[in-house]
Amino acid sequence: MTKTPSRAKLKGAAAPTPTAKPSPARKRSRLDPQAREKMILEGATVYFARHGFASQTKDLAAELGVSQGLIFRYFGTKQHLVECVYQNVFLRRWSTKWQRAMRDRKQPLQERLEAFYLAYFEAIDDNAWIRVSLYASLSGSDIIARYIRGKVDKILRIIALELRAERGGAAEGPLDAMEYEVAWHLHSTFIYALIRKYVHGVPNPEEPRAFVKAIVKAFLQGAGRAAS
């Protein structure tokens, strides 16, 4: 009986193609709740800085690639999300050490002012900080008014008292309106520099330290001349 050669031995016969195994389904990566909450909060901060607080949460959800329900699951309401943005952008950057350092008269006032405004300028030199603050007030939110009352007002009153003491006046006691406004004048110079940068697109000086020192020096020189 003649044997029939196997297919593998036939001249020119191709080896059988192995059946391809289906690739295992790729598992979707799932963030843990804390990471998911942080992702939404950071995304909301960027979104509100770009579009303001009048924007809808459904648009925010579309921007982040999540459902609107997921945002509400983590933050409850839009107002609570805005409050969390406020805490993340403003309160988290504020240092309680600044007030104590500003009262330390072992250091010359000029050095104290330079140290504070260099630290503060670096802390708020951020697109989100500036744009969120402006959008919040323009939309009627009170978060910046609360920030001023709770944080900024205290440091400005200390600065005004320290300036008065530097000029030979009483180191304690109530401030008059103009003393307070003079401190605001110094403070607002740094805020407006960042508004120029992040809103108007006008660059700031490249060296923050030199900028802070120049502004503080000019401020104290002007205050000294006014006192004489």
C-alpha atoms as a PDB file:
ATOM      1  CA  MET A   1       0.000   0.000   0.000  1.00  0.00           C
ATOM      2  CA  THR A   2       1.464   3.298  -1.043  1.00  0.00           C
ATOM      3  CA  LYS A   3       1.725   5.847   1.754  1.00  0.00           C
ATOM      4  CA  THR A   4       0.387   9.296   1.043  1.00  0.00           C
ATOM      5  CA  PRO A   5       3.022  11.885   1.984  1.00  0.00           C
ATOM      6  CA  SER A   6       1.977  14.262   4.751  1.00  0.00           C
ATOM      7  CA  ARG A   7       1.067  17.803   3.796  1.00  0.00           C
ATOM      8  CA  ALA A   8       4.120  19.155   5.567  1.00  0.00           C
ATOM      9  CA  LYS A   9       6.361  17.074   3.282  1.00  0.00           C
ATOM     10  CA  LEU A  10       4.692  18.004   0.020  1.00  0.00           C
ATOM     11  CA  LYS A  11       6.877  20.241  -2.085  1.00  0.00           C
ATOM     12  CA  GLY A  12       5.799  23.792  -1.831  1.00  0.00           C
ATOM     13  CA  ALA A  13       3.152  23.084   0.725  1.00  0.00           C
ATOM     14  CA  ALA A  14       2.781  25.798   3.319  1.00  0.00           C
ATOM     15  CA  ALA A  15       2.775  24.965   6.984  1.00  0.00           C
ATOM     16  CA  PRO A  16      -0.642  25.305   8.505  1.00  0.00           C
ATOM     17  CA  THR A  17      -1.345  28.702   9.991  1.00  0.00           C
ATOM     18  CA  PRO A  18      -1.854  28.428  13.742  1.00  0.00           C
ATOM     19  CA  THR A  19      -5.119  29.726  14.985  1.00  0.00           C
ATOM     20  CA  ALA A  20      -4.567  33.131  16.616  1.00  0.00           C
ATOM     21  CA  LYS A  21      -5.607  33.292  20.222  1.00  0.00           C
ATOM     22  CA  PRO A  22      -7.790  36.257  21.086  1.00  0.00           C
ATOM     23  CA  SER A  23      -5.880  38.892  23.018  1.00  0.00           C
ATOM     24  CA  PRO A  24      -7.097  39.326  26.575  1.00  0.00           C
ATOM     25  CA  ALA A  25      -9.432  42.273  27.064  1.00  0.00           C
ATOM     26  CA  ARG A  26      -7.626  45.308  28.322  1.00  0.00           C
ATOM     27  CA  LYS A  27      -8.704  46.308  31.794  1.00  0.00           C
ATOM     28  CA  ARG A  28      -9.811  49.895  32.248  1.00  0.00           C
ATOM     29  CA  SER A  29      -7.697  51.715  34.764  1.00  0.00           C
ATOM     30  CA  ARG A  30      -9.714  52.871  37.725  1.00  0.00           C
ATOM     31  CA  LEU A  31      -8.624  55.684  39.981  1.00  0.00           C
ATOM     32  CA  ASP A  32      -9.131  55.332  43.680  1.00  0.00           C
ATOM     33  CA  PRO A  33     -11.696  57.784  45.101  1.00  0.00           C
ATOM     34  CA  GLN A  34      -9.098  60.163  46.526  1.00  0.00           C
ATOM     35  CA  ALA A  35      -7.230  60.411  43.212  1.00  0.00           C
ATOM     36  CA  ARG A  36     -10.496  60.833  41.307  1.00  0.00           C
ATOM     37  CA  GLU A  37     -11.596  63.651  43.611  1.00  0.00           C
ATOM     38  CA  LYS A  38      -8.229  65.382  43.196  1.00  0.00           C
ATOM     39  CA  MET A  39      -8.443  65.031  39.415  1.00  0.00           C
ATOM     40  CA  ILE A  40     -11.888  66.637  39.335  1.00  0.00           C
ATOM     41  CA  LEU A  41     -10.832  69.442  41.676  1.00  0.00           C
ATOM     42  CA  GLU A  42      -7.703  70.294  39.690  1.00  0.00           C
ATOM     43  CA  GLY A  43      -9.626  70.108  36.430  1.00  0.00           C
ATOM     44  CA  ALA A  44     -12.359  72.353  37.818  1.00  0.00           C
ATOM     45  CA  THR A  45      -9.763  74.889  38.934  1.00  0.00           C
ATOM     46  CA  VAL A  46      -8.300  75.104  35.429  1.00  0.00           C
ATOM     47  CA  TYR A  47     -11.777  75.181  33.868  1.00  0.00           C
ATOM     48  CA  PHE A  48     -13.111  77.955  36.110  1.00  0.00           C
ATOM     49  CA  ALA A  49      -9.930  79.978  35.548  1.00  0.00           C
ATOM     50  CA  ARG A  50     -10.612  79.775  31.816  1.00  0.00           C
ATOM     51  CA  HIS A  51     -14.408  80.097  31.694  1.00  0.00           C
ATOM     52  CA  GLY A  52     -15.493  81.628  34.995  1.00  0.00           C
ATOM     53  CA  PHE A  53     -18.026  80.485  37.559  1.00  0.00           C
ATOM     54  CA  ALA A  54     -21.061  81.147  35.380  1.00  0.00           C
ATOM     55  CA  SER A  55     -20.204  78.036  33.336  1.00  0.00           C
ATOM     56  CA  GLN A  56     -22.303  74.908  33.777  1.00  0.00           C
ATOM     57  CA  THR A  57     -21.179  71.710  35.491  1.00  0.00           C
ATOM     58  CA  LYS A  58     -22.289  69.707  32.445  1.00  0.00           C
ATOM     59  CA  ASP A  59     -19.708  71.612  30.386  1.00  0.00           C
ATOM     60  CA  LEU A  60     -17.098  71.012  33.061  1.00  0.00           C
ATOM     61  CA  ALA A  61     -17.940  67.301  32.994  1.00  0.00           C
ATOM     62  CA  ALA A  62     -17.545  67.191  29.215  1.00  0.00           C
ATOM     63  CA  GLU A  63     -14.189  68.964  29.515  1.00  0.00           C
ATOM     64  CA  LEU A  64     -12.972  66.439  32.091  1.00  0.00           C
ATOM     65  CA  GLY A  65     -14.401  63.415  30.282  1.00  0.00           C
ATOM     66  CA  VAL A  66     -16.567  62.359  33.210  1.00  0.00           C
ATOM     67  CA  SER A  67     -20.273  62.368  33.889  1.00  0.00           C
ATOM     68  CA  GLN A  68     -21.969  65.259  35.606  1.00  0.00           C
ATOM     69  CA  GLY A  69     -23.266  62.762  38.132  1.00  0.00           C
ATOM     70  CA  LEU A  70     -19.708  61.808  39.082  1.00  0.00           C
ATOM     71  CA  ILE A  71     -18.902  65.440  39.904  1.00  0.00           C
ATOM     72  CA  PHE A  72     -21.967  65.673  42.132  1.00  0.00           C
ATOM     73  CA  ARG A  73     -21.124  62.325  43.732  1.00  0.00           C
ATOM     74  CA  TYR A  74     -17.829  63.759  44.977  1.00  0.00           C
ATOM     75  CA  PHE A  75     -18.780  67.391  45.615  1.00  0.00           C
ATOM     76  CA  GLY A  76     -22.534  67.384  46.135  1.00  0.00           C
ATOM     77  CA  THR A  77     -23.284  70.772  44.608  1.00  0.00           C
ATOM     78  CA  LYS A  78     -21.593  73.265  42.342  1.00  0.00           C
ATOM     79  CA  GLN A  79     -21.336  75.674  45.283  1.00  0.00           C
ATOM     80  CA  HIS A  80     -19.430  73.116  47.326  1.00  0.00           C
ATOM     81  CA  LEU A  81     -17.103  72.505  44.368  1.00  0.00           C
ATOM     82  CA  VAL A  82     -16.454  76.255  44.154  1.00  0.00           C
ATOM     83  CA  GLU A  83     -15.723  76.282  47.893  1.00  0.00           C
ATOM     84  CA  CYS A  84     -13.211  73.468  47.442  1.00  0.00           C
ATOM     85  CA  VAL A  85     -11.561  75.387  44.607  1.00  0.00           C
ATOM     86  CA  TYR A  86     -11.318  78.386  46.954  1.00  0.00           C
ATOM     87  CA  GLN A  87      -9.631  76.332  49.646  1.00  0.00           C
ATOM     88  CA  ASN A  88      -7.274  74.695  47.165  1.00  0.00           C
ATOM     89  CA  VAL A  89      -6.270  77.859  45.295  1.00  0.00           C
ATOM     90  CA  PHE A  90      -6.287  80.472  48.070  1.00  0.00           C
ATOM     91  CA  LEU A  91      -6.259  79.094  51.597  1.00  0.00           C
ATOM     92  CA  ARG A  92      -3.730  76.338  50.893  1.00  0.00           C
ATOM     93  CA  ARG A  93      -1.144  78.893  49.742  1.00  0.00           C
ATOM     94  CA  TRP A  94      -1.434  81.176  52.739  1.00  0.00           C
ATOM     95  CA  SER A  95       1.155  80.773  55.511  1.00  0.00           C
ATOM     96  CA  THR A  96       0.359  81.668  59.111  1.00  0.00           C
ATOM     97  CA  LYS A  97       4.078  82.342  59.602  1.00  0.00           C
ATOM     98  CA  TRP A  98       3.842  85.545  57.567  1.00  0.00           C
ATOM     99  CA  GLN A  99       1.989  87.486  60.260  1.00  0.00           C
ATOM    100  CA  ARG A 100       4.399  86.466  63.026  1.00  0.00           C
ATOM    101  CA  ALA A 101       7.413  87.334  60.881  1.00  0.00           C
ATOM    102  CA  MET A 102       5.981  90.746  59.995  1.00  0.00           C
ATOM    103  CA  ARG A 103       5.731  91.615  63.724  1.00  0.00           C
ATOM    104  CA  ASP A 104       9.329  90.638  64.462  1.00  0.00           C
ATOM    105  CA  ARG A 105      11.024  93.979  65.065  1.00  0.00           C
ATOM    106  CA  LYS A 106      14.401  92.349  65.476  1.00  0.00           C
ATOM    107  CA  GLN A 107      14.517  92.591  61.683  1.00  0.00           C
ATOM    108  CA  PRO A 108      14.392  95.925  59.850  1.00  0.00           C
ATOM    109  CA  LEU A 109      10.977  96.652  58.334  1.00  0.00           C
ATOM    110  CA  GLN A 110      12.399  96.745  54.830  1.00  0.00           C
ATOM    111  CA  GLU A 111      13.727  93.199  55.207  1.00  0.00           C
ATOM    112  CA  ARG A 112      10.429  91.972  56.652  1.00  0.00           C
ATOM    113  CA  LEU A 113       8.457  93.484  53.783  1.00  0.00           C
ATOM    114  CA  GLU A 114      10.832  92.069  51.193  1.00  0.00           C
ATOM    115  CA  ALA A 115      10.675  88.580  52.722  1.00  0.00           C
ATOM    116  CA  PHE A 116       6.870  88.591  52.919  1.00  0.00           C
ATOM    117  CA  TYR A 117       6.218  89.936  49.439  1.00  0.00           C
ATOM    118  CA  LEU A 118       8.771  87.677  47.823  1.00  0.00           C
ATOM    119  CA  ALA A 119       7.099  84.640  49.448  1.00  0.00           C
ATOM    120  CA  TYR A 120       3.590  85.908  48.704  1.00  0.00           C
ATOM    121  CA  PHE A 121       4.398  86.880  45.127  1.00  0.00           C
ATOM    122  CA  GLU A 122       5.841  83.434  44.466  1.00  0.00           C
ATOM    123  CA  ALA A 123       2.822  81.744  46.107  1.00  0.00           C
ATOM    124  CA  ILE A 124       0.227  83.541  43.973  1.00  0.00           C
ATOM    125  CA  ASP A 125       2.188  83.823  40.716  1.00  0.00           C
ATOM    126  CA  ASP A 126      -0.236  81.476  39.020  1.00  0.00           C
ATOM    127  CA  ASN A 127      -2.779  81.826  36.244  1.00  0.00           C
ATOM    128  CA  ALA A 128      -5.513  80.091  38.238  1.00  0.00           C
ATOM    129  CA  TRP A 129      -5.025  82.301  41.326  1.00  0.00           C
ATOM    130  CA  ILE A 130      -5.435  85.533  39.397  1.00  0.00           C
ATOM    131  CA  ARG A 131      -8.199  84.520  37.016  1.00  0.00           C
ATOM    132  CA  VAL A 132     -10.262  82.610  39.582  1.00  0.00           C
ATOM    133  CA  SER A 133     -10.131  85.606  41.928  1.00  0.00           C
ATOM    134  CA  LEU A 134     -11.395  87.971  39.230  1.00  0.00           C
ATOM    135  CA  TYR A 135     -14.074  85.634  37.889  1.00  0.00           C
ATOM    136  CA  ALA A 136     -15.302  84.909  41.405  1.00  0.00           C
ATOM    137  CA  SER A 137     -15.905  88.557  42.267  1.00  0.00           C
ATOM    138  CA  LEU A 138     -17.391  89.367  38.857  1.00  0.00           C
ATOM    139  CA  SER A 139     -19.860  86.486  39.210  1.00  0.00           C
ATOM    140  CA  GLY A 140     -21.008  87.691  42.637  1.00  0.00           C
ATOM    141  CA  SER A 141     -19.230  85.025  44.690  1.00  0.00           C
ATOM    142  CA  ASP A 142     -18.019  86.149  48.106  1.00  0.00           C
ATOM    143  CA  ILE A 143     -14.937  83.918  48.265  1.00  0.00           C
ATOM    144  CA  ILE A 144     -12.463  86.745  47.608  1.00  0.00           C
ATOM    145  CA  ALA A 145     -14.199  89.079  50.053  1.00  0.00           C
ATOM    146  CA  ARG A 146     -13.844  86.293  52.642  1.00  0.00           C
ATOM    147  CA  TYR A 147     -10.204  85.788  51.701  1.00  0.00           C
ATOM    148  CA  ILE A 148      -9.518  89.492  52.191  1.00  0.00           C
ATOM    149  CA  ARG A 149     -11.344  89.641  55.532  1.00  0.00           C
ATOM    150  CA  GLY A 150      -9.847  86.423  56.837  1.00  0.00           C
ATOM    151  CA  LYS A 151      -6.263  86.666  55.580  1.00  0.00           C
ATOM    152  CA  VAL A 152      -5.211  89.799  53.714  1.00  0.00           C
ATOM    153  CA  ASP A 153      -6.790  92.308  56.085  1.00  0.00           C
ATOM    154  CA  LYS A 154      -4.788  90.973  59.033  1.00  0.00           C
ATOM    155  CA  ILE A 155      -1.401  91.240  57.343  1.00  0.00           C
ATOM    156  CA  LEU A 156      -2.188  94.705  55.957  1.00  0.00           C
ATOM    157  CA  ARG A 157      -3.088  96.001  59.396  1.00  0.00           C
ATOM    158  CA  ILE A 158       0.191  94.683  60.744  1.00  0.00           C
ATOM    159  CA  ILE A 159       2.087  96.353  57.885  1.00  0.00           C
ATOM    160  CA  ALA A 160       0.313  99.660  58.549  1.00  0.00           C
ATOM    161  CA  LEU A 161       1.143  99.516  62.261  1.00  0.00           C
ATOM    162  CA  GLU A 162       4.759  98.592  61.589  1.00  0.00           C
ATOM    163  CA  LEU A 163       5.062 101.464  59.130  1.00  0.00           C
ATOM    164  CA  ARG A 164       3.632 103.838  61.726  1.00  0.00           C
ATOM    165  CA  ALA A 165       6.131 102.582  64.320  1.00  0.00           C
ATOM    166  CA  GLU A 166       8.953 102.971  61.785  1.00  0.00           C
ATOM    167  CA  ARG A 167       7.989 106.607  61.375  1.00  0.00           C
ATOM    168  CA  GLY A 168       8.011 107.190  65.134  1.00  0.00           C
ATOM    169  CA  GLY A 169       4.299 106.781  65.802  1.00  0.00           C
ATOM    170  CA  ALA A 170       2.399 104.536  68.193  1.00  0.00           C
ATOM    171  CA  ALA A 171       3.110 100.869  67.574  1.00  0.00           C
ATOM    172  CA  GLU A 172      -0.391  99.883  68.676  1.00  0.00           C
ATOM    173  CA  GLY A 173      -3.867 101.345  68.541  1.00  0.00           C
ATOM    174  CA  PRO A 174      -6.529 101.821  65.888  1.00  0.00           C
ATOM    175  CA  LEU A 175      -5.577 102.736  62.336  1.00  0.00           C
ATOM    176  CA  ASP A 176      -7.075 105.592  60.464  1.00  0.00           C
ATOM    177  CA  ALA A 177      -8.469 104.963  56.989  1.00  0.00           C
ATOM    178  CA  MET A 178      -5.496 106.407  55.124  1.00  0.00           C
ATOM    179  CA  GLU A 179      -2.932 104.345  57.026  1.00  0.00           C
ATOM    180  CA  TYR A 180      -4.827 101.243  55.951  1.00  0.00           C
ATOM    181  CA  GLU A 181      -5.107 102.457  52.355  1.00  0.00           C
ATOM    182  CA  VAL A 182      -1.358 103.082  52.152  1.00  0.00           C
ATOM    183  CA  ALA A 183      -0.761  99.429  53.070  1.00  0.00           C
ATOM    184  CA  TRP A 184      -3.264  98.404  50.406  1.00  0.00           C
ATOM    185  CA  HIS A 185      -1.391 100.547  47.897  1.00  0.00           C
ATOM    186  CA  LEU A 186       1.758  98.494  48.446  1.00  0.00           C
ATOM    187  CA  HIS A 187      -0.105  95.187  48.373  1.00  0.00           C
ATOM    188  CA  SER A 188      -2.102  95.937  45.244  1.00  0.00           C
ATOM    189  CA  THR A 189       1.072  96.739  43.294  1.00  0.00           C
ATOM    190  CA  PHE A 190       2.005  93.059  43.371  1.00  0.00           C
ATOM    191  CA  ILE A 191      -1.528  91.902  42.586  1.00  0.00           C
ATOM    192  CA  TYR A 192      -1.773  94.171  39.566  1.00  0.00           C
ATOM    193  CA  ALA A 193       1.598  92.994  38.273  1.00  0.00           C
ATOM    194  CA  LEU A 194       0.091  89.506  38.024  1.00  0.00           C
ATOM    195  CA  ILE A 195      -3.122  90.822  36.451  1.00  0.00           C
ATOM    196  CA  ARG A 196      -0.940  92.379  33.757  1.00  0.00           C
ATOM    197  CA  LYS A 197       0.758  89.030  33.264  1.00  0.00           C
ATOM    198  CA  TYR A 198      -2.188  86.627  33.281  1.00  0.00           C
ATOM    199  CA  VAL A 199      -5.073  88.801  32.067  1.00  0.00           C
ATOM    200  CA  HIS A 200      -3.522  91.440  29.815  1.00  0.00           C
ATOM    201  CA  GLY A 201      -0.636  89.313  28.591  1.00  0.00           C
ATOM    202  CA  VAL A 202       2.004  91.895  29.511  1.00  0.00           C
ATOM    203  CA  PRO A 203       5.154  90.233  30.874  1.00  0.00           C
ATOM    204  CA  ASN A 204       6.470  90.973  34.340  1.00  0.00           C
ATOM    205  CA  PRO A 205      10.097  91.557  35.247  1.00  0.00           C
ATOM    206  CA  GLU A 206      11.979  88.279  34.909  1.00  0.00           C
ATOM    207  CA  GLU A 207      13.627  88.484  38.329  1.00  0.00           C
ATOM    208  CA  PRO A 208      10.968  88.527  41.110  1.00  0.00           C
ATOM    209  CA  ARG A 209      13.486  89.249  43.873  1.00  0.00           C
ATOM    210  CA  ALA A 210      14.758  92.404  42.199  1.00  0.00           C
ATOM    211  CA  PHE A 211      11.162  93.480  41.459  1.00  0.00           C
ATOM    212  CA  VAL A 212      10.036  93.010  45.070  1.00  0.00           C
ATOM    213  CA  LYS A 213      13.064  94.829  46.466  1.00  0.00           C
ATOM    214  CA  ALA A 214      12.542  97.764  44.098  1.00  0.00           C
ATOM    215  CA  ILE A 215       8.841  98.135  44.964  1.00  0.00           C
ATOM    216  CA  VAL A 216       9.421  97.892  48.724  1.00  0.00           C
ATOM    217  CA  LYS A 217      12.304 100.361  48.610  1.00  0.00           C
ATOM    218  CA  ALA A 218      10.278 102.884  46.600  1.00  0.00           C
ATOM    219  CA  PHE A 219       7.327 102.452  48.965  1.00  0.00           C
ATOM    220  CA  LEU A 220       9.398 103.079  52.106  1.00  0.00           C
ATOM    221  CA  GLN A 221      11.208 106.013  50.551  1.00  0.00           C
ATOM    222  CA  GLY A 222       7.883 107.577  49.630  1.00  0.00           C
ATOM    223  CA  ALA A 223       6.476 106.951  53.082  1.00  0.00           C
ATOM    224  CA  GLY A 224       9.557 108.499  54.659  1.00  0.00           C
ATOM    225  CA  ARG A 225       9.339 111.632  52.545  1.00  0.00           C
ATOM    226  CA  ALA A 226       5.647 111.992  53.302  1.00  0.00           C
ATOM    227  CA  ALA A 227       6.391 111.792  57.029  1.00  0.00           C
ATOM    228  CA  SER A 228       9.068 114.473  57.007  1.00  0.00           C
END
